[in-house]
Amino acid sequence: MEENTNTETLVRRLLSTDYADKVIVTTIQKLGLALDGAYKKNYKERLAPLSQQRVVFIFDECHRSQFGKTTKP
């Protein structure tokens, strides 16, 4: 498994046809930049071909508190 050191690496792996790139672990921040149509590198346009494919995202939020204190409802 290759580490996603930045959003460019994430986008490259999402578009890859190499089966070794098909299980990807990344942060919600990198994925957010990749899907942000207003982001200057326009990753969203590059990822458009994926809209016709089946993609599964699994989000693990167990580390949410790393961004500061969480408040109780």
Protein backbone atom coordinates (compact mmCIF):
# COMPACT_ATOMS: atom_id res chain seq x y z
CA MET A 1 0.00 0.00 0.00
CA GLU A 2 1.38 3.36 -1.01
CA GLU A 3 0.95 6.33 1.30
CA ASN A 4 -1.05 9.28 -0.02
CA THR A 5 1.29 12.11 0.84
CA ASN A 6 -0.80 14.75 -0.93
CA THR A 7 -3.98 15.25 -2.93
CA GLU A 8 -2.16 14.82 -6.25
CA THR A 9 -1.09 11.31 -5.21
CA LEU A 10 -4.66 10.53 -4.17
CA VAL A 11 -6.07 11.67 -7.52
CA ARG A 12 -3.42 9.75 -9.45
CA ARG A 13 -4.25 6.56 -7.54
CA LEU A 14 -8.00 7.01 -7.97
CA LEU A 15 -7.48 7.24 -11.74
CA SER A 16 -4.96 4.40 -11.89
CA THR A 17 -5.76 1.12 -13.64
CA ASP A 18 -3.23 -0.75 -11.48
CA TYR A 19 -5.08 -3.06 -9.08
CA ALA A 20 -2.42 -2.33 -6.44
CA ASP A 21 -3.82 1.22 -6.27
CA LYS A 22 -7.42 0.22 -5.66
CA VAL A 23 -7.45 0.13 -1.86
CA ILE A 24 -6.69 3.66 -0.79
CA VAL A 25 -6.40 5.07 2.71
CA THR A 26 -6.56 8.85 2.84
CA THR A 27 -7.82 11.74 4.91
CA ILE A 28 -11.18 13.44 4.49
CA GLN A 29 -9.26 16.68 3.86
CA LYS A 30 -7.41 15.28 0.82
CA LEU A 31 -10.61 13.77 -0.54
CA GLY A 32 -12.39 17.08 0.02
CA LEU A 33 -9.76 18.95 -2.01
CA ALA A 34 -9.94 16.34 -4.76
CA LEU A 35 -13.71 16.82 -5.08
CA ASP A 36 -13.75 20.61 -4.70
CA GLY A 37 -14.58 22.10 -8.11
CA ALA A 38 -13.28 25.51 -7.00
CA TYR A 39 -9.83 24.22 -6.00
CA LYS A 40 -7.09 25.74 -8.18
CA LYS A 41 -5.70 22.40 -9.42
CA ASN A 42 -9.13 21.32 -10.70
CA TYR A 43 -8.85 17.72 -9.53
CA LYS A 44 -12.63 17.33 -9.79
CA GLU A 45 -12.50 17.69 -13.58
CA ARG A 46 -9.75 15.07 -13.78
CA LEU A 47 -11.86 12.69 -11.67
CA ALA A 48 -14.97 13.07 -13.87
CA PRO A 49 -14.41 9.66 -15.59
CA LEU A 50 -14.94 8.01 -12.20
CA SER A 51 -18.56 9.19 -12.14
CA GLN A 52 -19.39 6.26 -14.44
CA GLN A 53 -17.67 3.69 -12.20
CA ARG A 54 -18.56 2.03 -8.94
CA VAL A 55 -16.49 3.50 -6.11
CA VAL A 56 -16.84 2.71 -2.41
CA PHE A 57 -15.80 5.16 0.30
CA ILE A 58 -15.54 4.10 3.93
CA PHE A 59 -15.17 6.91 6.45
CA ASP A 60 -13.70 6.23 9.86
CA GLU A 61 -14.32 9.15 12.17
CA CYS A 62 -12.78 7.65 15.30
CA HIS A 63 -10.05 10.31 15.32
CA ARG A 64 -12.27 13.40 15.08
CA SER A 65 -11.01 14.69 18.41
CA GLN A 66 -7.55 15.31 16.93
CA PHE A 67 -8.93 18.65 15.71
CA GLY A 68 -9.72 19.88 19.20
CA LYS A 69 -12.25 19.28 21.90
CA THR A 70 -15.56 17.76 21.00
CA THR A 71 -18.69 19.09 22.59
CA LYS A 72 -21.48 17.00 23.97
CA PRO A 73 -24.97 17.65 22.60
